[in-house]
N, C-alpha and C. Protein backbone atom coordinates (compact mmCIF):
# COMPACT_ATOMS: atom_id res chain seq x y z
N MET A 1 0.85 -1.19 0.00
CA MET A 1 0.00 0.00 0.00
C MET A 1 0.89 1.25 0.00
N ASP A 2 0.64 2.18 -0.95
CA ASP A 2 1.46 3.38 -0.99
C ASP A 2 0.95 4.42 0.00
N ASP A 3 1.76 5.47 0.18
CA ASP A 3 1.44 6.49 1.18
C ASP A 3 0.14 7.23 0.84
N GLU A 4 -0.06 7.50 -0.44
CA GLU A 4 -1.25 8.25 -0.84
C GLU A 4 -2.53 7.48 -0.50
N THR A 5 -2.53 6.19 -0.75
CA THR A 5 -3.70 5.37 -0.43
C THR A 5 -3.96 5.36 1.07
N LEU A 6 -2.90 5.23 1.85
CA LEU A 6 -3.05 5.21 3.31
C LEU A 6 -3.59 6.54 3.81
N ARG A 7 -3.09 7.66 3.26
CA ARG A 7 -3.56 8.98 3.69
C ARG A 7 -5.05 9.14 3.41
N HIS A 8 -5.48 8.72 2.19
CA HIS A 8 -6.89 8.85 1.85
C HIS A 8 -7.76 7.93 2.70
N ARG A 9 -7.23 6.77 3.05
CA ARG A 9 -7.98 5.84 3.89
C ARG A 9 -8.18 6.43 5.28
N ILE A 10 -7.10 6.97 5.85
CA ILE A 10 -7.19 7.59 7.18
C ILE A 10 -8.13 8.79 7.13
N GLY A 11 -7.99 9.61 6.10
CA GLY A 11 -8.83 10.80 5.97
C GLY A 11 -10.31 10.47 5.87
N ALA A 12 -10.63 9.43 5.09
CA ALA A 12 -12.03 9.02 4.94
C ALA A 12 -12.59 8.53 6.27
N ASN A 13 -11.79 7.81 7.03
CA ASN A 13 -12.25 7.31 8.33
C ASN A 13 -12.43 8.44 9.34
N ILE A 14 -11.51 9.41 9.33
CA ILE A 14 -11.63 10.55 10.24
C ILE A 14 -12.92 11.32 9.94
N ALA A 15 -13.16 11.56 8.65
CA ALA A 15 -14.37 12.30 8.25
C ALA A 15 -15.63 11.53 8.66
N SER A 16 -15.59 10.21 8.48
CA SER A 16 -16.76 9.40 8.81
C SER A 16 -17.08 9.42 10.30
N TYR A 17 -16.06 9.21 11.13
CA TYR A 17 -16.30 9.19 12.58
C TYR A 17 -16.59 10.59 13.10
N ARG A 18 -16.01 11.62 12.48
CA ARG A 18 -16.30 12.99 12.90
C ARG A 18 -17.78 13.31 12.67
N LYS A 19 -18.28 12.95 11.49
CA LYS A 19 -19.69 13.21 11.18
C LYS A 19 -20.60 12.36 12.05
N ARG A 20 -20.15 11.14 12.35
CA ARG A 20 -20.95 10.27 13.22
C ARG A 20 -21.17 10.90 14.58
N ASP A 21 -20.12 11.58 15.10
CA ASP A 21 -20.20 12.20 16.42
C ASP A 21 -20.74 13.62 16.36
N GLY A 22 -21.15 14.07 15.17
CA GLY A 22 -21.73 15.40 15.04
C GLY A 22 -20.75 16.53 15.25
N LEU A 23 -19.49 16.31 14.88
CA LEU A 23 -18.46 17.33 15.05
C LEU A 23 -18.16 18.02 13.73
N THR A 24 -17.90 19.30 13.78
CA THR A 24 -17.39 20.02 12.62
C THR A 24 -15.88 19.86 12.58
N GLN A 25 -15.27 20.25 11.47
CA GLN A 25 -13.81 20.19 11.39
C GLN A 25 -13.18 21.11 12.42
N ALA A 26 -13.80 22.28 12.61
CA ALA A 26 -13.27 23.22 13.61
C ALA A 26 -13.43 22.65 15.02
N GLY A 27 -14.56 21.97 15.28
CA GLY A 27 -14.78 21.39 16.60
C GLY A 27 -13.79 20.28 16.91
N LEU A 28 -13.52 19.43 15.91
CA LEU A 28 -12.54 18.37 16.09
C LEU A 28 -11.15 18.95 16.28
N ALA A 29 -10.82 19.98 15.50
CA ALA A 29 -9.50 20.61 15.60
C ALA A 29 -9.28 21.20 16.99
N GLU A 30 -10.32 21.79 17.55
CA GLU A 30 -10.20 22.39 18.89
C GLU A 30 -9.91 21.34 19.95
N LYS A 31 -10.57 20.19 19.84
CA LYS A 31 -10.35 19.12 20.81
C LYS A 31 -8.93 18.56 20.73
N LEU A 32 -8.32 18.63 19.53
CA LEU A 32 -6.98 18.07 19.35
C LEU A 32 -5.90 19.13 19.45
N ASN A 33 -6.33 20.41 19.62
CA ASN A 33 -5.38 21.52 19.66
C ASN A 33 -4.65 21.67 18.33
N TYR A 34 -5.38 21.44 17.25
CA TYR A 34 -4.88 21.64 15.90
C TYR A 34 -5.73 22.71 15.23
N SER A 35 -5.32 23.12 14.03
CA SER A 35 -6.13 24.06 13.26
C SER A 35 -7.13 23.28 12.41
N ASP A 36 -8.24 23.95 12.03
CA ASP A 36 -9.22 23.30 11.18
C ASP A 36 -8.66 23.01 9.79
N LYS A 37 -7.65 23.79 9.39
CA LYS A 37 -6.99 23.54 8.11
C LYS A 37 -6.28 22.19 8.12
N ALA A 38 -5.68 21.86 9.27
CA ALA A 38 -4.98 20.57 9.38
C ALA A 38 -5.97 19.43 9.25
N VAL A 39 -7.13 19.54 9.92
CA VAL A 39 -8.15 18.49 9.84
C VAL A 39 -8.66 18.36 8.41
N SER A 40 -8.84 19.50 7.75
CA SER A 40 -9.31 19.46 6.36
C SER A 40 -8.31 18.75 5.45
N LYS A 41 -7.02 19.00 5.68
CA LYS A 41 -5.99 18.33 4.87
C LYS A 41 -5.97 16.83 5.13
N TRP A 42 -6.19 16.44 6.39
CA TRP A 42 -6.25 15.01 6.71
C TRP A 42 -7.38 14.34 5.94
N GLU A 43 -8.56 14.96 5.99
CA GLU A 43 -9.73 14.34 5.38
C GLU A 43 -9.65 14.33 3.86
N ARG A 44 -8.90 15.26 3.29
CA ARG A 44 -8.69 15.25 1.83
C ARG A 44 -7.56 14.33 1.41
N GLY A 45 -6.83 13.79 2.39
CA GLY A 45 -5.73 12.90 2.08
C GLY A 45 -4.47 13.60 1.66
N GLU A 46 -4.38 14.92 1.92
CA GLU A 46 -3.18 15.66 1.55
C GLU A 46 -2.05 15.47 2.57
N SER A 47 -2.43 15.15 3.81
CA SER A 47 -1.44 14.85 4.85
C SER A 47 -2.10 13.89 5.82
N ALA A 48 -1.31 13.38 6.75
CA ALA A 48 -1.83 12.41 7.72
C ALA A 48 -1.35 12.79 9.11
N PRO A 49 -2.19 12.56 10.13
CA PRO A 49 -1.75 12.85 11.51
C PRO A 49 -0.66 11.88 11.95
N ASP A 50 0.15 12.33 12.91
CA ASP A 50 1.19 11.45 13.43
C ASP A 50 0.58 10.38 14.34
N VAL A 51 1.42 9.50 14.82
CA VAL A 51 0.94 8.35 15.59
C VAL A 51 0.24 8.79 16.88
N VAL A 52 0.83 9.75 17.59
CA VAL A 52 0.23 10.21 18.83
C VAL A 52 -1.15 10.80 18.59
N THR A 53 -1.28 11.56 17.49
CA THR A 53 -2.58 12.15 17.17
C THR A 53 -3.58 11.09 16.77
N LEU A 54 -3.12 10.04 16.09
CA LEU A 54 -4.01 8.93 15.76
C LEU A 54 -4.57 8.29 17.03
N VAL A 55 -3.71 8.17 18.04
CA VAL A 55 -4.16 7.61 19.32
C VAL A 55 -5.20 8.53 19.95
N GLN A 56 -4.95 9.85 19.90
CA GLN A 56 -5.90 10.80 20.46
C GLN A 56 -7.23 10.74 19.72
N LEU A 57 -7.18 10.59 18.39
CA LEU A 57 -8.41 10.47 17.61
C LEU A 57 -9.19 9.22 17.99
N ALA A 58 -8.46 8.11 18.15
CA ALA A 58 -9.12 6.86 18.51
C ALA A 58 -9.78 6.98 19.88
N GLU A 59 -9.09 7.62 20.82
CA GLU A 59 -9.67 7.82 22.15
C GLU A 59 -10.90 8.72 22.08
N LEU A 60 -10.82 9.76 21.25
CA LEU A 60 -11.94 10.69 21.11
C LEU A 60 -13.17 10.01 20.50
N PHE A 61 -12.94 9.20 19.46
CA PHE A 61 -14.04 8.51 18.79
C PHE A 61 -14.44 7.22 19.52
N GLN A 62 -13.64 6.82 20.53
CA GLN A 62 -13.89 5.59 21.30
C GLN A 62 -13.90 4.36 20.38
N ILE A 63 -12.83 4.26 19.61
CA ILE A 63 -12.67 3.13 18.70
C ILE A 63 -11.23 2.65 18.78
N PRO A 64 -10.93 1.43 18.34
CA PRO A 64 -9.53 0.99 18.25
C PRO A 64 -8.79 1.80 17.20
N VAL A 65 -7.49 1.98 17.41
CA VAL A 65 -6.70 2.75 16.45
C VAL A 65 -6.75 2.11 15.07
N GLY A 66 -6.81 0.78 15.02
CA GLY A 66 -6.85 0.09 13.74
C GLY A 66 -8.02 0.46 12.88
N ASP A 67 -9.14 0.92 13.50
CA ASP A 67 -10.31 1.30 12.71
C ASP A 67 -10.05 2.54 11.87
N LEU A 68 -9.13 3.39 12.32
CA LEU A 68 -8.78 4.58 11.53
C LEU A 68 -7.91 4.23 10.33
N LEU A 69 -7.27 3.05 10.39
CA LEU A 69 -6.38 2.63 9.31
C LEU A 69 -7.04 1.63 8.37
N ALA A 70 -8.20 1.14 8.77
CA ALA A 70 -8.86 0.10 7.97
C ALA A 70 -9.48 0.69 6.71
N ASP A 71 -9.63 -0.17 5.71
CA ASP A 71 -10.28 0.24 4.47
C ASP A 71 -11.77 0.46 4.75
N PRO A 72 -12.28 1.69 4.57
CA PRO A 72 -13.69 1.94 4.88
C PRO A 72 -14.65 1.15 4.00
N ASN A 73 -14.17 0.64 2.85
CA ASN A 73 -15.03 -0.13 1.95
C ASN A 73 -14.88 -1.63 2.12
N ALA A 74 -13.99 -2.05 3.04
CA ALA A 74 -13.73 -3.48 3.21
C ALA A 74 -14.57 -4.03 4.35
N LEU A 75 -14.66 -5.35 4.41
CA LEU A 75 -15.39 -6.00 5.49
C LEU A 75 -14.59 -5.88 6.78
N PRO A 76 -15.25 -5.67 7.93
CA PRO A 76 -14.52 -5.54 9.20
C PRO A 76 -13.98 -6.87 9.67
N GLY A 77 -13.06 -6.80 10.61
CA GLY A 77 -12.57 -8.01 11.26
C GLY A 77 -11.40 -8.66 10.57
N ASN A 78 -10.81 -7.99 9.58
CA ASN A 78 -9.68 -8.61 8.87
C ASN A 78 -8.58 -7.58 8.67
N PRO A 79 -7.99 -7.07 9.74
CA PRO A 79 -6.93 -6.07 9.61
C PRO A 79 -5.69 -6.64 8.95
N GLY A 80 -5.04 -5.82 8.14
CA GLY A 80 -3.83 -6.25 7.45
C GLY A 80 -2.60 -6.09 8.32
N ALA A 81 -1.47 -6.44 7.75
CA ALA A 81 -0.20 -6.37 8.50
C ALA A 81 0.12 -4.94 8.89
N LEU A 82 -0.17 -3.97 7.99
CA LEU A 82 0.14 -2.57 8.29
C LEU A 82 -0.69 -2.07 9.47
N GLU A 83 -1.99 -2.43 9.48
CA GLU A 83 -2.85 -2.01 10.57
C GLU A 83 -2.36 -2.59 11.90
N LYS A 84 -1.94 -3.85 11.88
CA LYS A 84 -1.45 -4.47 13.11
C LYS A 84 -0.18 -3.78 13.59
N ALA A 85 0.71 -3.47 12.65
CA ALA A 85 1.97 -2.79 13.02
C ALA A 85 1.68 -1.41 13.61
N MET A 86 0.76 -0.67 12.98
CA MET A 86 0.43 0.66 13.47
C MET A 86 -0.24 0.58 14.84
N THR A 87 -1.04 -0.44 15.05
CA THR A 87 -1.68 -0.62 16.36
C THR A 87 -0.64 -0.84 17.43
N GLN A 88 0.40 -1.64 17.13
CA GLN A 88 1.47 -1.89 18.10
C GLN A 88 2.22 -0.60 18.41
N VAL A 89 2.49 0.18 17.36
CA VAL A 89 3.19 1.45 17.56
C VAL A 89 2.35 2.39 18.42
N SER A 90 1.04 2.40 18.15
CA SER A 90 0.14 3.27 18.91
C SER A 90 0.09 2.86 20.37
N GLU A 91 0.09 1.56 20.63
CA GLU A 91 0.09 1.10 22.01
C GLU A 91 1.36 1.53 22.74
N LYS A 92 2.49 1.50 22.04
CA LYS A 92 3.73 1.97 22.64
C LYS A 92 3.67 3.46 22.92
N ALA A 93 3.05 4.21 21.99
CA ALA A 93 2.91 5.65 22.20
C ALA A 93 2.04 5.95 23.42
N LEU A 94 0.98 5.17 23.59
CA LEU A 94 0.12 5.33 24.76
C LEU A 94 0.90 5.07 26.05
N LYS A 95 1.76 4.05 26.00
CA LYS A 95 2.55 3.71 27.18
C LYS A 95 3.51 4.84 27.52
N ARG A 96 4.16 5.42 26.49
CA ARG A 96 5.07 6.55 26.73
C ARG A 96 4.31 7.73 27.32
N LYS A 97 3.10 7.96 26.80
CA LYS A 97 2.28 9.06 27.31
C LYS A 97 1.93 8.83 28.77
N ALA A 98 1.59 7.58 29.11
CA ALA A 98 1.26 7.25 30.50
C ALA A 98 2.47 7.46 31.40
N ASN A 99 3.67 7.07 30.93
CA ASN A 99 4.89 7.26 31.72
C ASN A 99 5.15 8.74 31.98
N LYS A 100 4.90 9.58 30.97
CA LYS A 100 5.11 11.02 31.14
C LYS A 100 4.14 11.58 32.17
N ASN A 101 2.91 11.11 32.13
CA ASN A 101 1.93 11.57 33.12
C ASN A 101 2.34 11.18 34.53
N VAL A 102 2.91 10.00 34.67
CA VAL A 102 3.38 9.56 35.99
C VAL A 102 4.52 10.45 36.46
N ILE A 103 5.45 10.79 35.56
CA ILE A 103 6.58 11.66 35.92
C ILE A 103 6.07 13.03 36.34
N LEU A 104 5.09 13.57 35.60
CA LEU A 104 4.52 14.87 35.96
C LEU A 104 3.86 14.82 37.34
N ALA A 105 3.13 13.74 37.60
CA ALA A 105 2.46 13.61 38.89
C ALA A 105 3.46 13.48 40.03
N LEU A 106 4.52 12.71 39.81
CA LEU A 106 5.55 12.54 40.84
C LEU A 106 6.28 13.86 41.10
N SER A 107 6.55 14.61 40.05
CA SER A 107 7.25 15.89 40.20
C SER A 107 6.40 16.87 41.00
N SER A 108 5.10 16.93 40.68
CA SER A 108 4.20 17.81 41.43
C SER A 108 4.11 17.38 42.89
N THR A 109 4.05 16.07 43.10
CA THR A 109 4.00 15.56 44.48
C THR A 109 5.24 15.97 45.26
N LEU A 110 6.40 15.91 44.61
CA LEU A 110 7.65 16.29 45.28
C LEU A 110 7.64 17.76 45.66
N VAL A 111 7.15 18.61 44.76
CA VAL A 111 7.10 20.05 45.05
C VAL A 111 6.23 20.31 46.28
N TRP A 112 5.07 19.69 46.32
CA TRP A 112 4.16 19.93 47.45
C TRP A 112 4.66 19.26 48.72
N PHE A 113 5.43 18.19 48.57
CA PHE A 113 6.05 17.59 49.75
C PHE A 113 7.07 18.55 50.36
N VAL A 114 7.86 19.20 49.51
CA VAL A 114 8.84 20.18 50.00
C VAL A 114 8.12 21.34 50.68
N ALA A 115 7.00 21.78 50.07
CA ALA A 115 6.23 22.87 50.68
C ALA A 115 5.70 22.46 52.05
N LEU A 116 5.23 21.22 52.13
CA LEU A 116 4.73 20.72 53.42
C LEU A 116 5.84 20.62 54.45
N LEU A 117 7.03 20.19 53.99
CA LEU A 117 8.18 20.10 54.89
C LEU A 117 8.57 21.47 55.43
N VAL A 118 8.59 22.47 54.53
CA VAL A 118 8.92 23.84 54.96
C VAL A 118 7.87 24.34 55.95
N PHE A 119 6.60 24.02 55.67
CA PHE A 119 5.52 24.43 56.58
C PHE A 119 5.71 23.83 57.97
N VAL A 120 6.03 22.54 58.00
CA VAL A 120 6.22 21.86 59.29
C VAL A 120 7.39 22.47 60.06
N ILE A 121 8.49 22.74 59.33
CA ILE A 121 9.68 23.30 60.00
C ILE A 121 9.39 24.70 60.53
N LEU A 122 8.79 25.56 59.70
CA LEU A 122 8.53 26.94 60.12
C LEU A 122 7.49 26.99 61.24
N SER A 123 6.51 26.11 61.16
CA SER A 123 5.46 26.13 62.20
C SER A 123 5.96 25.60 63.54
N SER A 124 7.15 25.02 63.54
CA SER A 124 7.72 24.50 64.79
C SER A 124 8.37 25.59 65.63
N PHE A 125 8.59 26.77 65.02
CA PHE A 125 9.23 27.87 65.73
C PHE A 125 8.20 28.99 65.95
N ARG A 126 8.19 29.53 67.11
CA ARG A 126 7.22 30.57 67.46
C ARG A 126 7.39 31.81 66.58
N VAL A 127 8.64 32.12 66.22
CA VAL A 127 8.91 33.34 65.45
C VAL A 127 8.31 33.24 64.04
N THR A 128 8.38 32.07 63.46
CA THR A 128 7.93 31.92 62.06
C THR A 128 6.62 31.15 61.93
N GLU A 129 6.00 30.82 63.05
CA GLU A 129 4.78 30.00 63.01
C GLU A 129 3.67 30.67 62.22
N ASP A 130 3.51 31.99 62.38
CA ASP A 130 2.42 32.71 61.72
C ASP A 130 2.63 32.83 60.21
N TYR A 131 3.87 32.59 59.75
CA TYR A 131 4.16 32.74 58.32
C TYR A 131 4.30 31.40 57.61
N SER A 132 4.19 30.33 58.35
CA SER A 132 4.53 29.02 57.79
C SER A 132 3.65 28.63 56.60
N TYR A 133 2.37 29.05 56.62
CA TYR A 133 1.46 28.64 55.54
C TYR A 133 1.82 29.26 54.20
N LEU A 134 2.66 30.28 54.21
CA LEU A 134 3.07 30.92 52.95
C LEU A 134 3.82 29.96 52.04
N ALA A 135 4.37 28.91 52.61
CA ALA A 135 5.11 27.93 51.81
C ALA A 135 4.22 27.33 50.73
N PHE A 136 2.94 27.16 51.02
CA PHE A 136 2.03 26.56 50.05
C PHE A 136 1.74 27.51 48.88
N PHE A 137 1.75 28.81 49.15
CA PHE A 137 1.53 29.77 48.07
C PHE A 137 2.72 29.83 47.12
N TYR A 138 3.92 29.70 47.67
CA TYR A 138 5.11 29.67 46.81
C TYR A 138 5.21 28.34 46.05
N ALA A 139 4.54 27.32 46.55
CA ALA A 139 4.58 26.02 45.86
C ALA A 139 3.83 26.07 44.53
N VAL A 140 2.84 26.97 44.41
CA VAL A 140 2.06 27.05 43.17
C VAL A 140 2.93 27.46 41.98
N PRO A 141 3.65 28.60 42.02
CA PRO A 141 4.52 28.92 40.89
C PRO A 141 5.69 27.95 40.75
N ALA A 142 6.17 27.41 41.89
CA ALA A 142 7.28 26.45 41.82
C ALA A 142 6.83 25.19 41.07
N ASN A 143 5.63 24.75 41.34
CA ASN A 143 5.09 23.58 40.65
C ASN A 143 4.93 23.86 39.16
N ALA A 144 4.48 25.07 38.84
CA ALA A 144 4.31 25.44 37.43
C ALA A 144 5.66 25.47 36.70
N ILE A 145 6.70 25.92 37.39
CA ILE A 145 8.04 25.94 36.78
C ILE A 145 8.52 24.53 36.47
N VAL A 146 8.30 23.62 37.41
CA VAL A 146 8.72 22.22 37.20
C VAL A 146 7.97 21.61 36.02
N LEU A 147 6.65 21.80 35.96
CA LEU A 147 5.86 21.24 34.87
C LEU A 147 6.25 21.86 33.53
N LEU A 148 6.49 23.18 33.54
CA LEU A 148 6.89 23.86 32.31
C LEU A 148 8.22 23.32 31.80
N SER A 149 9.16 23.08 32.69
CA SER A 149 10.48 22.57 32.30
C SER A 149 10.37 21.17 31.69
N LEU A 150 9.58 20.30 32.33
CA LEU A 150 9.43 18.94 31.84
C LEU A 150 8.72 18.90 30.49
N LEU A 151 7.61 19.62 30.39
CA LEU A 151 6.84 19.60 29.14
C LEU A 151 7.63 20.22 27.99
N SER A 152 8.39 21.26 28.27
CA SER A 152 9.21 21.88 27.23
C SER A 152 10.32 20.93 26.77
N ALA A 153 10.88 20.18 27.72
CA ALA A 153 11.91 19.20 27.36
C ALA A 153 11.34 18.11 26.47
N TRP A 154 10.05 17.80 26.64
CA TRP A 154 9.38 16.80 25.80
C TRP A 154 8.76 17.42 24.55
N ARG A 155 9.00 18.73 24.35
CA ARG A 155 8.48 19.46 23.19
C ARG A 155 6.95 19.43 23.15
N ASP A 156 6.35 19.49 24.32
CA ASP A 156 4.90 19.60 24.44
C ASP A 156 4.60 21.00 24.95
N PHE A 157 4.19 21.88 24.03
CA PHE A 157 4.03 23.29 24.38
C PHE A 157 2.57 23.71 24.54
N ARG A 158 1.67 22.75 24.64
CA ARG A 158 0.24 23.08 24.70
C ARG A 158 -0.14 23.86 25.95
N TRP A 159 0.56 23.61 27.06
CA TRP A 159 0.19 24.23 28.33
C TRP A 159 1.12 25.37 28.72
N ASN A 160 2.01 25.77 27.83
CA ASN A 160 3.00 26.79 28.19
C ASN A 160 2.36 28.12 28.60
N ARG A 161 1.35 28.54 27.85
CA ARG A 161 0.73 29.83 28.14
C ARG A 161 0.11 29.82 29.54
N PHE A 162 -0.60 28.75 29.86
CA PHE A 162 -1.24 28.65 31.18
C PHE A 162 -0.19 28.57 32.28
N LEU A 163 0.85 27.77 32.07
CA LEU A 163 1.87 27.59 33.11
C LEU A 163 2.66 28.86 33.37
N ILE A 164 3.00 29.58 32.30
CA ILE A 164 3.74 30.84 32.48
C ILE A 164 2.88 31.86 33.21
N SER A 165 1.59 31.90 32.88
CA SER A 165 0.68 32.80 33.59
C SER A 165 0.59 32.42 35.06
N ALA A 166 0.56 31.11 35.34
CA ALA A 166 0.50 30.64 36.72
C ALA A 166 1.76 31.04 37.49
N ILE A 167 2.90 31.01 36.81
CA ILE A 167 4.16 31.41 37.46
C ILE A 167 4.12 32.90 37.82
N VAL A 168 3.70 33.73 36.85
CA VAL A 168 3.67 35.18 37.08
C VAL A 168 2.72 35.54 38.21
N TRP A 169 1.46 35.10 38.09
CA TRP A 169 0.46 35.48 39.09
C TRP A 169 0.69 34.75 40.42
N GLY A 170 1.23 33.55 40.36
CA GLY A 170 1.52 32.83 41.59
C GLY A 170 2.55 33.54 42.44
N PHE A 171 3.61 34.01 41.79
CA PHE A 171 4.64 34.74 42.54
C PHE A 171 4.11 36.07 43.05
N LEU A 172 3.27 36.75 42.26
CA LEU A 172 2.72 38.03 42.71
C LEU A 172 1.84 37.83 43.94
N VAL A 173 1.01 36.80 43.92
CA VAL A 173 0.15 36.52 45.08
C VAL A 173 1.00 36.16 46.30
N ALA A 174 2.02 35.30 46.10
CA ALA A 174 2.86 34.88 47.21
C ALA A 174 3.63 36.05 47.81
N ILE A 175 4.16 36.92 46.96
CA ILE A 175 4.92 38.08 47.46
C ILE A 175 3.99 39.05 48.18
N HIS A 176 2.80 39.27 47.60
CA HIS A 176 1.84 40.18 48.23
C HIS A 176 1.46 39.69 49.63
N LEU A 177 1.16 38.40 49.75
CA LEU A 177 0.79 37.85 51.04
C LEU A 177 1.95 37.90 52.03
N SER A 178 3.17 37.68 51.53
CA SER A 178 4.34 37.73 52.40
C SER A 178 4.52 39.13 52.99
N VAL A 179 4.39 40.14 52.13
CA VAL A 179 4.53 41.53 52.61
C VAL A 179 3.40 41.87 53.57
N LEU A 180 2.20 41.40 53.25
CA LEU A 180 1.04 41.70 54.10
C LEU A 180 1.16 41.06 55.47
N VAL A 181 1.59 39.79 55.50
CA VAL A 181 1.65 39.06 56.77
C VAL A 181 2.86 39.46 57.61
N ILE A 182 4.00 39.62 56.95
CA ILE A 182 5.24 39.90 57.70
C ILE A 182 5.37 41.37 58.08
N PHE A 183 5.09 42.26 57.09
CA PHE A 183 5.28 43.70 57.33
C PHE A 183 3.97 44.44 57.56
N HIS A 184 2.84 43.72 57.45
CA HIS A 184 1.52 44.32 57.67
C HIS A 184 1.27 45.51 56.74
N TYR A 185 1.71 45.36 55.52
CA TYR A 185 1.51 46.42 54.52
C TYR A 185 0.80 45.82 53.30
N ASN A 186 -0.32 46.40 52.95
CA ASN A 186 -1.11 45.88 51.83
C ASN A 186 -0.57 46.45 50.52
N PHE A 187 0.40 45.76 49.96
CA PHE A 187 1.06 46.21 48.72
C PHE A 187 0.29 45.68 47.50
N TRP A 188 -0.99 46.10 47.37
CA TRP A 188 -1.85 45.59 46.31
C TRP A 188 -1.42 46.05 44.93
N LYS A 189 -0.70 47.18 44.86
CA LYS A 189 -0.27 47.70 43.56
C LYS A 189 0.69 46.74 42.86
N LEU A 190 1.19 45.77 43.60
CA LEU A 190 2.09 44.77 43.00
C LEU A 190 1.41 44.04 41.86
N TYR A 191 0.07 43.86 41.97
CA TYR A 191 -0.66 43.12 40.94
C TYR A 191 -0.70 43.87 39.61
N LEU A 192 -0.46 45.16 39.64
CA LEU A 192 -0.44 45.93 38.38
C LEU A 192 0.68 45.45 37.46
N LEU A 193 1.74 44.90 38.07
CA LEU A 193 2.83 44.38 37.25
C LEU A 193 2.39 43.18 36.43
N GLY A 194 1.38 42.47 36.92
CA GLY A 194 0.91 41.30 36.20
C GLY A 194 0.16 41.62 34.94
N ILE A 195 -0.40 42.83 34.84
CA ILE A 195 -1.18 43.19 33.65
C ILE A 195 -0.30 43.25 32.40
N PRO A 196 0.79 44.06 32.39
CA PRO A 196 1.65 44.03 31.20
C PRO A 196 2.31 42.68 31.00
N GLY A 197 2.56 41.97 32.11
CA GLY A 197 3.14 40.63 31.97
C GLY A 197 2.20 39.68 31.25
N GLN A 198 0.91 39.73 31.61
CA GLN A 198 -0.06 38.86 30.96
C GLN A 198 -0.26 39.24 29.50
N ILE A 199 -0.25 40.55 29.22
CA ILE A 199 -0.37 41.00 27.83
C ILE A 199 0.82 40.51 27.01
N ALA A 200 2.01 40.60 27.59
CA ALA A 200 3.22 40.14 26.89
C ALA A 200 3.14 38.64 26.61
N ILE A 201 2.62 37.87 27.58
CA ILE A 201 2.47 36.42 27.38
C ILE A 201 1.51 36.15 26.23
N PHE A 202 0.37 36.87 26.22
CA PHE A 202 -0.62 36.67 25.16
C PHE A 202 -0.04 37.00 23.80
N LEU A 203 0.65 38.14 23.69
CA LEU A 203 1.21 38.56 22.40
C LEU A 203 2.32 37.62 21.94
N TRP A 204 3.12 37.12 22.88
CA TRP A 204 4.22 36.21 22.53
C TRP A 204 3.67 34.95 21.89
N PHE A 205 2.67 34.35 22.53
CA PHE A 205 2.13 33.10 21.99
C PHE A 205 1.28 33.36 20.75
N ARG A 206 0.70 34.55 20.67
CA ARG A 206 -0.06 34.91 19.47
C ARG A 206 0.87 35.05 18.27
N MET A 207 2.07 35.59 18.52
CA MET A 207 3.04 35.81 17.45
C MET A 207 3.53 34.49 16.87
N PHE A 208 3.71 33.47 17.73
CA PHE A 208 4.25 32.20 17.27
C PHE A 208 3.17 31.17 16.97
N ARG A 209 1.91 31.53 17.11
CA ARG A 209 0.83 30.58 16.86
C ARG A 209 0.80 30.08 15.42
N PRO A 210 0.95 30.94 14.40
CA PRO A 210 0.95 30.43 13.03
C PRO A 210 2.06 29.43 12.76
N VAL A 211 3.23 29.64 13.39
CA VAL A 211 4.34 28.73 13.17
C VAL A 211 4.01 27.35 13.71
N LYS A 212 3.41 27.30 14.88
CA LYS A 212 3.05 26.01 15.48
C LYS A 212 2.01 25.29 14.63
N GLU A 213 1.00 26.06 14.18
CA GLU A 213 -0.05 25.41 13.38
C GLU A 213 0.51 24.88 12.09
N LYS A 214 1.48 25.60 11.50
CA LYS A 214 2.07 25.13 10.25
C LYS A 214 2.84 23.84 10.48
N GLU A 215 3.56 23.75 11.62
CA GLU A 215 4.30 22.53 11.93
C GLU A 215 3.35 21.36 12.12
N LYS A 216 2.22 21.59 12.75
CA LYS A 216 1.25 20.52 12.97
C LYS A 216 0.63 20.06 11.68
N GLU A 217 0.33 21.02 10.77
CA GLU A 217 -0.28 20.65 9.50
C GLU A 217 0.68 19.82 8.66
N ASN A 218 1.97 20.17 8.72
CA ASN A 218 2.95 19.42 7.94
C ASN A 218 3.24 18.06 8.56
N GLY A 219 2.90 17.91 9.86
CA GLY A 219 3.13 16.63 10.54
C GLY A 219 2.15 15.59 10.09
């Protein structure tokens, strides 16, 4: 089977299951964090989604991955060698995804464990007992930094905008509470710094959005 035939087969199956579930191309693209142009190219057979995206599509449609690779005009229940091979690759991709989720969960757990440890230590001293709970507020941006570092290392940039915003606002909230509790001064104007910061984050990701969509469409 040549590449063009496989692309058209996958595209026909995506279109069929999308219509079955009452989704538009734009609706499906939003669920996958792709552009509607990418979905349109898939369904026309001009390009094909990568293995990880095939797994996401199968999960979304609640079907085996092999159904997306099967001949839509053939009788069911007789997958070919290519479909079996792709199914095995997809299963491995799912396993890698599960391992990454475990690493992310363990990393977050470690951050909050450190925050709890700091809380216990500070609360043991009369001088710092009233400030000990601040450790949990600093854990929020710290956790976001850890997740951002791991996801960026894996070239998964879908959550970068949210995580960077969490870092900025998390630190502002933690610093504001620290000044309020320790020095009894309501330094609320500190939050004004977050406004240009959030605008800069929005514009930064807006500027590079076309590049990301183009990479996904070519994938």
